[in-house]
Amino acid sequence: MPIYEYLCSNCKEITEKWQKFSDPPLTHCPKCGGEVKKLISLNAFHLKGTGWYVTDYASKNGGNRKKSEEKQASSEKSTEKKE
């Protein structure tokens, strides 16, 4: 369930309310009874578990492809020298 923020036009108090999508929005401030306006705020979205591109398919080295290629090339050279 999302957390909605409301700003009171009377006392300027910001109220946070944990509501379902289907719940009606607040219309009055719980502190002073004034009219409230719903605020647009940032949301938090976190990818957890499997089934996401970030966890299943993304590069494990954080996009440092060049460095991993260099390491692979240097390890191939060292094995050639041993032979």
PDB file of N, CA and C in Angstrom:
ATOM      1  N   MET A   1       0.843  -1.179   0.000  1.00  0.00           N
ATOM      2  CA  MET A   1       0.000   0.000   0.000  1.00  0.00           C
ATOM      3  C   MET A   1       0.886   1.239   0.000  1.00  0.00           C
ATOM      4  N   PRO A   2       0.539   2.208  -0.814  1.00  0.00           N
ATOM      5  CA  PRO A   2       1.352   3.427  -0.879  1.00  0.00           C
ATOM      6  C   PRO A   2       1.085   4.371   0.293  1.00  0.00           C
ATOM      7  N   ILE A   3       2.059   5.210   0.537  1.00  0.00           N
ATOM      8  CA  ILE A   3       1.925   6.266   1.541  1.00  0.00           C
ATOM      9  C   ILE A   3       1.684   7.568   0.793  1.00  0.00           C
ATOM     10  N   TYR A   4       0.575   8.220   1.091  1.00  0.00           N
ATOM     11  CA  TYR A   4       0.233   9.492   0.458  1.00  0.00           C
ATOM     12  C   TYR A   4       0.536  10.630   1.420  1.00  0.00           C
ATOM     13  N   GLU A   5       0.941  11.763   0.861  1.00  0.00           N
ATOM     14  CA  GLU A   5       1.218  12.955   1.658  1.00  0.00           C
ATOM     15  C   GLU A   5       0.191  14.021   1.327  1.00  0.00           C
ATOM     16  N   TYR A   6      -0.277  14.692   2.369  1.00  0.00           N
ATOM     17  CA  TYR A   6      -1.268  15.757   2.222  1.00  0.00           C
ATOM     18  C   TYR A   6      -0.754  17.004   2.923  1.00  0.00           C
ATOM     19  N   LEU A   7      -0.986  18.169   2.317  1.00  0.00           N
ATOM     20  CA  LEU A   7      -0.590  19.454   2.891  1.00  0.00           C
ATOM     21  C   LEU A   7      -1.838  20.220   3.277  1.00  0.00           C
ATOM     22  N   CYS A   8      -1.887  20.661   4.532  1.00  0.00           N
ATOM     23  CA  CYS A   8      -3.026  21.436   5.019  1.00  0.00           C
ATOM     24  C   CYS A   8      -2.864  22.889   4.587  1.00  0.00           C
ATOM     25  N   SER A   9      -3.927  23.457   4.032  1.00  0.00           N
ATOM     26  CA  SER A   9      -3.874  24.859   3.603  1.00  0.00           C
ATOM     27  C   SER A   9      -3.980  25.808   4.795  1.00  0.00           C
ATOM     28  N   ASN A  10      -4.448  25.317   5.927  1.00  0.00           N
ATOM     29  CA  ASN A  10      -4.621  26.141   7.126  1.00  0.00           C
ATOM     30  C   ASN A  10      -3.345  26.210   7.968  1.00  0.00           C
ATOM     31  N   CYS A  11      -2.920  25.060   8.471  1.00  0.00           N
ATOM     32  CA  CYS A  11      -1.788  25.023   9.407  1.00  0.00           C
ATOM     33  C   CYS A  11      -0.467  24.636   8.740  1.00  0.00           C
ATOM     34  N   LYS A  12      -0.487  24.350   7.433  1.00  0.00           N
ATOM     35  CA  LYS A  12       0.706  23.982   6.646  1.00  0.00           C
ATOM     36  C   LYS A  12       1.369  22.698   7.146  1.00  0.00           C
ATOM     37  N   GLU A  13       0.629  21.881   7.872  1.00  0.00           N
ATOM     38  CA  GLU A  13       1.113  20.596   8.364  1.00  0.00           C
ATOM     39  C   GLU A  13       1.079  19.575   7.225  1.00  0.00           C
ATOM     40  N   ILE A  14       2.144  18.785   7.107  1.00  0.00           N
ATOM     41  CA  ILE A  14       2.168  17.702   6.124  1.00  0.00           C
ATOM     42  C   ILE A  14       1.812  16.416   6.857  1.00  0.00           C
ATOM     43  N   THR A  15       0.799  15.737   6.348  1.00  0.00           N
ATOM     44  CA  THR A  15       0.316  14.498   6.949  1.00  0.00           C
ATOM     45  C   THR A  15       0.574  13.345   5.994  1.00  0.00           C
ATOM     46  N   GLU A  16       1.104  12.258   6.529  1.00  0.00           N
ATOM     47  CA  GLU A  16       1.309  11.048   5.737  1.00  0.00           C
ATOM     48  C   GLU A  16       0.216  10.053   6.092  1.00  0.00           C
ATOM     49  N   LYS A  17      -0.354   9.429   5.068  1.00  0.00           N
ATOM     50  CA  LYS A  17      -1.447   8.476   5.281  1.00  0.00           C
ATOM     51  C   LYS A  17      -1.177   7.235   4.447  1.00  0.00           C
ATOM     52  N   TRP A  18      -1.210   6.077   5.091  1.00  0.00           N
ATOM     53  CA  TRP A  18      -1.022   4.799   4.431  1.00  0.00           C
ATOM     54  C   TRP A  18      -2.384   4.340   3.956  1.00  0.00           C
ATOM     55  N   GLN A  19      -2.599   4.353   2.628  1.00  0.00           N
ATOM     56  CA  GLN A  19      -3.914   4.074   2.072  1.00  0.00           C
ATOM     57  C   GLN A  19      -3.834   3.084   0.922  1.00  0.00           C
ATOM     58  N   LYS A  20      -4.951   2.376   0.715  1.00  0.00           N
ATOM     59  CA  LYS A  20      -5.089   1.529  -0.462  1.00  0.00           C
ATOM     60  C   LYS A  20      -5.383   2.428  -1.653  1.00  0.00           C
ATOM     61  N   PHE A  21      -5.198   1.897  -2.854  1.00  0.00           N
ATOM     62  CA  PHE A  21      -5.534   2.661  -4.058  1.00  0.00           C
ATOM     63  C   PHE A  21      -7.027   2.965  -4.103  1.00  0.00           C
ATOM     64  N   SER A  22      -7.816   2.058  -3.567  1.00  0.00           N
ATOM     65  CA  SER A  22      -9.271   2.214  -3.623  1.00  0.00           C
ATOM     66  C   SER A  22      -9.828   3.125  -2.531  1.00  0.00           C
ATOM     67  N   ASP A  23      -9.011   3.487  -1.522  1.00  0.00           N
ATOM     68  CA  ASP A  23      -9.482   4.374  -0.451  1.00  0.00           C
ATOM     69  C   ASP A  23      -9.688   5.791  -0.976  1.00  0.00           C
ATOM     70  N   PRO A  24     -10.708   6.479  -0.488  1.00  0.00           N
ATOM     71  CA  PRO A  24     -10.904   7.875  -0.903  1.00  0.00           C
ATOM     72  C   PRO A  24      -9.816   8.765  -0.293  1.00  0.00           C
ATOM     73  N   PRO A  25      -9.401   9.816  -0.998  1.00  0.00           N
ATOM     74  CA  PRO A  25      -8.358  10.700  -0.453  1.00  0.00           C
ATOM     75  C   PRO A  25      -8.875  11.499   0.743  1.00  0.00           C
ATOM     76  N   LEU A  26      -7.934  11.922   1.590  1.00  0.00           N
ATOM     77  CA  LEU A  26      -8.308  12.773   2.727  1.00  0.00           C
ATOM     78  C   LEU A  26      -8.808  14.115   2.212  1.00  0.00           C
ATOM     79  N   THR A  27      -9.749  14.704   2.924  1.00  0.00           N
ATOM     80  CA  THR A  27     -10.258  16.023   2.541  1.00  0.00           C
ATOM     81  C   THR A  27     -10.019  17.058   3.623  1.00  0.00           C
ATOM     82  N   HIS A  28      -9.850  16.598   4.887  1.00  0.00           N
ATOM     83  CA  HIS A  28      -9.657  17.523   6.004  1.00  0.00           C
ATOM     84  C   HIS A  28      -8.435  17.124   6.822  1.00  0.00           C
ATOM     85  N   CYS A  29      -7.754  18.121   7.336  1.00  0.00           N
ATOM     86  CA  CYS A  29      -6.563  17.920   8.154  1.00  0.00           C
ATOM     87  C   CYS A  29      -6.959  17.254   9.477  1.00  0.00           C
ATOM     88  N   PRO A  30      -6.254  16.189   9.879  1.00  0.00           N
ATOM     89  CA  PRO A  30      -6.568  15.542  11.149  1.00  0.00           C
ATOM     90  C   PRO A  30      -6.184  16.397  12.361  1.00  0.00           C
ATOM     91  N   LYS A  31      -5.316  17.388  12.156  1.00  0.00           N
ATOM     92  CA  LYS A  31      -4.856  18.228  13.261  1.00  0.00           C
ATOM     93  C   LYS A  31      -5.785  19.419  13.503  1.00  0.00           C
ATOM     94  N   CYS A  32      -6.123  20.174  12.423  1.00  0.00           N
ATOM     95  CA  CYS A  32      -6.906  21.399  12.609  1.00  0.00           C
ATOM     96  C   CYS A  32      -8.250  21.385  11.881  1.00  0.00           C
ATOM     97  N   GLY A  33      -8.470  20.406  11.025  1.00  0.00           N
ATOM     98  CA  GLY A  33      -9.735  20.325  10.298  1.00  0.00           C
ATOM     99  C   GLY A  33      -9.764  21.127   9.011  1.00  0.00           C
ATOM    100  N   GLY A  34      -8.652  21.756   8.658  1.00  0.00           N
ATOM    101  CA  GLY A  34      -8.577  22.545   7.432  1.00  0.00           C
ATOM    102  C   GLY A  34      -8.565  21.665   6.189  1.00  0.00           C
ATOM    103  N   GLU A  35      -8.711  22.297   5.040  1.00  0.00           N
ATOM    104  CA  GLU A  35      -8.715  21.573   3.771  1.00  0.00           C
ATOM    105  C   GLU A  35      -7.294  21.127   3.423  1.00  0.00           C
ATOM    106  N   VAL A  36      -7.167  19.889   2.934  1.00  0.00           N
ATOM    107  CA  VAL A  36      -5.851  19.364   2.563  1.00  0.00           C
ATOM    108  C   VAL A  36      -5.767  19.140   1.061  1.00  0.00           C
ATOM    109  N   LYS A  37      -4.534  19.181   0.574  1.00  0.00           N
ATOM    110  CA  LYS A  37      -4.256  18.947  -0.840  1.00  0.00           C
ATOM    111  C   LYS A  37      -3.242  17.811  -0.924  1.00  0.00           C
ATOM    112  N   LYS A  38      -3.480  16.853  -1.822  1.00  0.00           N
ATOM    113  CA  LYS A  38      -2.566  15.723  -1.984  1.00  0.00           C
ATOM    114  C   LYS A  38      -1.293  16.208  -2.668  1.00  0.00           C
ATOM    115  N   LEU A  39      -0.156  15.818  -2.099  1.00  0.00           N
ATOM    116  CA  LEU A  39       1.141  16.196  -2.662  1.00  0.00           C
ATOM    117  C   LEU A  39       1.655  15.093  -3.576  1.00  0.00           C
ATOM    118  N   ILE A  40       2.414  15.491  -4.559  1.00  0.00           N
ATOM    119  CA  ILE A  40       3.095  14.537  -5.432  1.00  0.00           C
ATOM    120  C   ILE A  40       4.501  14.398  -4.867  1.00  0.00           C
ATOM    121  N   SER A  41       4.869  13.187  -4.508  1.00  0.00           N
ATOM    122  CA  SER A  41       6.188  12.977  -3.925  1.00  0.00           C
ATOM    123  C   SER A  41       6.877  11.817  -4.627  1.00  0.00           C
ATOM    124  N   LEU A  42       8.161  11.667  -4.351  1.00  0.00           N
ATOM    125  CA  LEU A  42       8.944  10.584  -4.946  1.00  0.00           C
ATOM    126  C   LEU A  42       8.521   9.253  -4.350  1.00  0.00           C
ATOM    127  N   ASN A  43       8.576   8.246  -5.164  1.00  0.00           N
ATOM    128  CA  ASN A  43       8.265   6.920  -4.656  1.00  0.00           C
ATOM    129  C   ASN A  43       9.541   6.102  -4.554  1.00  0.00           C
ATOM    130  N   ALA A  44       9.465   5.058  -3.785  1.00  0.00           N
ATOM    131  CA  ALA A  44      10.592   4.149  -3.640  1.00  0.00           C
ATOM    132  C   ALA A  44      10.251   2.853  -4.346  1.00  0.00           C
ATOM    133  N   PHE A  45      11.095   2.477  -5.294  1.00  0.00           N
ATOM    134  CA  PHE A  45      10.875   1.249  -6.043  1.00  0.00           C
ATOM    135  C   PHE A  45      12.159   0.456  -5.985  1.00  0.00           C
ATOM    136  N   HIS A  46      12.099  -0.706  -5.395  1.00  0.00           N
ATOM    137  CA  HIS A  46      13.299  -1.509  -5.216  1.00  0.00           C
ATOM    138  C   HIS A  46      13.069  -2.884  -5.820  1.00  0.00           C
ATOM    139  N   LEU A  47      13.981  -3.319  -6.676  1.00  0.00           N
ATOM    140  CA  LEU A  47      13.875  -4.628  -7.305  1.00  0.00           C
ATOM    141  C   LEU A  47      14.456  -5.677  -6.368  1.00  0.00           C
ATOM    142  N   LYS A  48      13.618  -6.588  -5.906  1.00  0.00           N
ATOM    143  CA  LYS A  48      14.076  -7.652  -5.017  1.00  0.00           C
ATOM    144  C   LYS A  48      13.753  -8.998  -5.632  1.00  0.00           C
ATOM    145  N   GLY A  49      14.578  -9.964  -5.351  1.00  0.00           N
ATOM    146  CA  GLY A  49      14.317 -11.316  -5.827  1.00  0.00           C
ATOM    147  C   GLY A  49      14.804 -11.535  -7.245  1.00  0.00           C
ATOM    148  N   THR A  50      14.407 -12.659  -7.807  1.00  0.00           N
ATOM    149  CA  THR A  50      14.829 -12.998  -9.157  1.00  0.00           C
ATOM    150  C   THR A  50      13.752 -12.626 -10.158  1.00  0.00           C
ATOM    151  N   GLY A  51      14.117 -12.697 -11.419  1.00  0.00           N
ATOM    152  CA  GLY A  51      13.164 -12.387 -12.473  1.00  0.00           C
ATOM    153  C   GLY A  51      13.298 -10.979 -13.011  1.00  0.00           C
ATOM    154  N   TRP A  52      14.264 -10.228 -12.524  1.00  0.00           N
ATOM    155  CA  TRP A  52      14.490  -8.861 -12.992  1.00  0.00           C
ATOM    156  C   TRP A  52      15.777  -8.833 -13.801  1.00  0.00           C
ATOM    157  N   TYR A  53      15.840  -7.952 -14.772  1.00  0.00           N
ATOM    158  CA  TYR A  53      17.031  -7.809 -15.606  1.00  0.00           C
ATOM    159  C   TYR A  53      18.258  -7.519 -14.745  1.00  0.00           C
ATOM    160  N   VAL A  54      18.093  -6.660 -13.770  1.00  0.00           N
ATOM    161  CA  VAL A  54      19.223  -6.236 -12.941  1.00  0.00           C
ATOM    162  C   VAL A  54      19.836  -7.415 -12.197  1.00  0.00           C
ATOM    163  N   THR A  55      19.012  -8.328 -11.700  1.00  0.00           N
ATOM    164  CA  THR A  55      19.538  -9.437 -10.909  1.00  0.00           C
ATOM    165  C   THR A  55      19.915 -10.651 -11.742  1.00  0.00           C
ATOM    166  N   ASP A  56      19.269 -10.839 -12.880  1.00  0.00           N
ATOM    167  CA  ASP A  56      19.491 -12.065 -13.642  1.00  0.00           C
ATOM    168  C   ASP A  56      20.399 -11.912 -14.855  1.00  0.00           C
ATOM    169  N   TYR A  57      20.346 -10.780 -15.528  1.00  0.00           N
ATOM    170  CA  TYR A  57      21.043 -10.660 -16.811  1.00  0.00           C
ATOM    171  C   TYR A  57      22.083  -9.550 -16.875  1.00  0.00           C
ATOM    172  N   ALA A  58      22.037  -8.633 -15.971  1.00  0.00           N
ATOM    173  CA  ALA A  58      22.961  -7.500 -16.030  1.00  0.00           C
ATOM    174  C   ALA A  58      24.390  -7.973 -15.790  1.00  0.00           C
ATOM    175  N   SER A  59      25.323  -7.177 -16.259  1.00  0.00           N
ATOM    176  CA  SER A  59      26.735  -7.487 -16.112  1.00  0.00           C
ATOM    177  C   SER A  59      27.102  -7.566 -14.635  1.00  0.00           C
ATOM    178  N   LYS A  60      27.805  -8.591 -14.255  1.00  0.00           N
ATOM    179  CA  LYS A  60      28.189  -8.776 -12.855  1.00  0.00           C
ATOM    180  C   LYS A  60      29.316  -7.832 -12.441  1.00  0.00           C
ATOM    181  N   ASN A  61      30.061  -7.284 -13.418  1.00  0.00           N
ATOM    182  CA  ASN A  61      31.182  -6.413 -13.080  1.00  0.00           C
ATOM    183  C   ASN A  61      30.813  -4.939 -13.134  1.00  0.00           C
ATOM    184  N   GLY A  62      29.544  -4.624 -13.171  1.00  0.00           N
ATOM    185  CA  GLY A  62      29.113  -3.232 -13.127  1.00  0.00           C
ATOM    186  C   GLY A  62      29.405  -2.449 -14.381  1.00  0.00           C
ATOM    187  N   GLY A  63      29.487  -3.113 -15.503  1.00  0.00           N
ATOM    188  CA  GLY A  63      29.706  -2.413 -16.762  1.00  0.00           C
ATOM    189  C   GLY A  63      31.159  -2.182 -17.107  1.00  0.00           C
ATOM    190  N   ASN A  64      32.074  -2.786 -16.365  1.00  0.00           N
ATOM    191  CA  ASN A  64      33.504  -2.626 -16.635  1.00  0.00           C
ATOM    192  C   ASN A  64      33.972  -3.701 -17.605  1.00  0.00           C
ATOM    193  N   ARG A  65      33.404  -3.704 -18.779  1.00  0.00           N
ATOM    194  CA  ARG A  65      33.702  -4.735 -19.769  1.00  0.00           C
ATOM    195  C   ARG A  65      35.161  -4.675 -20.206  1.00  0.00           C
ATOM    196  N   LYS A  66      35.685  -3.485 -20.369  1.00  0.00           N
ATOM    197  CA  LYS A  66      37.058  -3.323 -20.835  1.00  0.00           C
ATOM    198  C   LYS A  66      38.041  -3.963 -19.853  1.00  0.00           C
ATOM    199  N   LYS A  67      37.832  -3.724 -18.570  1.00  0.00           N
ATOM    200  CA  LYS A  67      38.734  -4.272 -17.564  1.00  0.00           C
ATOM    201  C   LYS A  67      38.689  -5.792 -17.557  1.00  0.00           C
ATOM    202  N   SER A  68      37.495  -6.361 -17.683  1.00  0.00           N
ATOM    203  CA  SER A  68      37.396  -7.822 -17.675  1.00  0.00           C
ATOM    204  C   SER A  68      38.039  -8.412 -18.923  1.00  0.00           C
ATOM    205  N   GLU A  69      37.932  -7.716 -20.062  1.00  0.00           N
ATOM    206  CA  GLU A  69      38.575  -8.187 -21.286  1.00  0.00           C
ATOM    207  C   GLU A  69      40.092  -8.139 -21.141  1.00  0.00           C
ATOM    208  N   GLU A  70      40.593  -7.083 -20.484  1.00  0.00           N
ATOM    209  CA  GLU A  70      42.031  -6.961 -20.270  1.00  0.00           C
ATOM    210  C   GLU A  70      42.532  -8.076 -19.354  1.00  0.00           C
ATOM    211  N   LYS A  71      41.774  -8.384 -18.309  1.00  0.00           N
ATOM    212  CA  LYS A  71      42.167  -9.456 -17.394  1.00  0.00           C
ATOM    213  C   LYS A  71      42.197 -10.795 -18.119  1.00  0.00           C
ATOM    214  N   GLN A  72      41.208 -11.021 -18.955  1.00  0.00           N
ATOM    215  CA  GLN A  72      41.139 -12.272 -19.696  1.00  0.00           C
ATOM    216  C   GLN A  72      42.323 -12.380 -20.664  1.00  0.00           C
ATOM    217  N   ALA A  73      42.648 -11.293 -21.339  1.00  0.00           N
ATOM    218  CA  ALA A  73      43.765 -11.291 -22.285  1.00  0.00           C
ATOM    219  C   ALA A  73      45.080 -11.537 -21.556  1.00  0.00           C
ATOM    220  N   SER A  74      45.278 -10.919 -20.396  1.00  0.00           N
ATOM    221  CA  SER A  74      46.523 -11.107 -19.653  1.00  0.00           C
ATOM    222  C   SER A  74      46.628 -12.529 -19.117  1.00  0.00           C
ATOM    223  N   SER A  75      45.512 -13.135 -18.726  1.00  0.00           N
ATOM    224  CA  SER A  75      45.567 -14.520 -18.240  1.00  0.00           C
ATOM    225  C   SER A  75      45.865 -15.483 -19.384  1.00  0.00           C
ATOM    226  N   GLU A  76      45.385 -15.177 -20.585  1.00  0.00           N
ATOM    227  CA  GLU A  76      45.687 -16.012 -21.752  1.00  0.00           C
ATOM    228  C   GLU A  76      47.169 -15.929 -22.094  1.00  0.00           C
ATOM    229  N   LYS A  77      47.756 -14.729 -21.975  1.00  0.00           N
ATOM    230  CA  LYS A  77      49.181 -14.558 -22.260  1.00  0.00           C
ATOM    231  C   LYS A  77      50.023 -15.338 -21.262  1.00  0.00           C
ATOM    232  N   SER A  78      49.622 -15.323 -19.999  1.00  0.00           N
ATOM    233  CA  SER A  78      50.405 -16.025 -18.977  1.00  0.00           C
ATOM    234  C   SER A  78      50.334 -17.530 -19.171  1.00  0.00           C
ATOM    235  N   THR A  79      49.219 -18.062 -19.641  1.00  0.00           N
ATOM    236  CA  THR A  79      49.128 -19.506 -19.903  1.00  0.00           C
ATOM    237  C   THR A  79      49.951 -19.887 -21.123  1.00  0.00           C
ATOM    238  N   GLU A  80      50.072 -18.980 -22.106  1.00  0.00           N
ATOM    239  CA  GLU A  80      50.884 -19.249 -23.290  1.00  0.00           C
ATOM    240  C   GLU A  80      52.356 -19.317 -22.916  1.00  0.00           C
ATOM    241  N   LYS A  81      52.794 -18.457 -21.995  1.00  0.00           N
ATOM    242  CA  LYS A  81      54.191 -18.440 -21.573  1.00  0.00           C
ATOM    243  C   LYS A  81      54.560 -19.721 -20.841  1.00  0.00           C
ATOM    244  N   LYS A  82      53.625 -20.284 -20.088  1.00  0.00           N
ATOM    245  CA  LYS A  82      53.887 -21.494 -19.311  1.00  0.00           C
ATOM    246  C   LYS A  82      54.087 -22.704 -20.213  1.00  0.00           C
ATOM    247  N   GLU A  83      53.476 -22.710 -21.369  1.00  0.00           N
ATOM    248  CA  GLU A  83      53.572 -23.843 -22.288  1.00  0.00           C
ATOM    249  C   GLU A  83      54.879 -23.818 -22.971  1.00  0.00           C
TER     250      GLU A  83
END
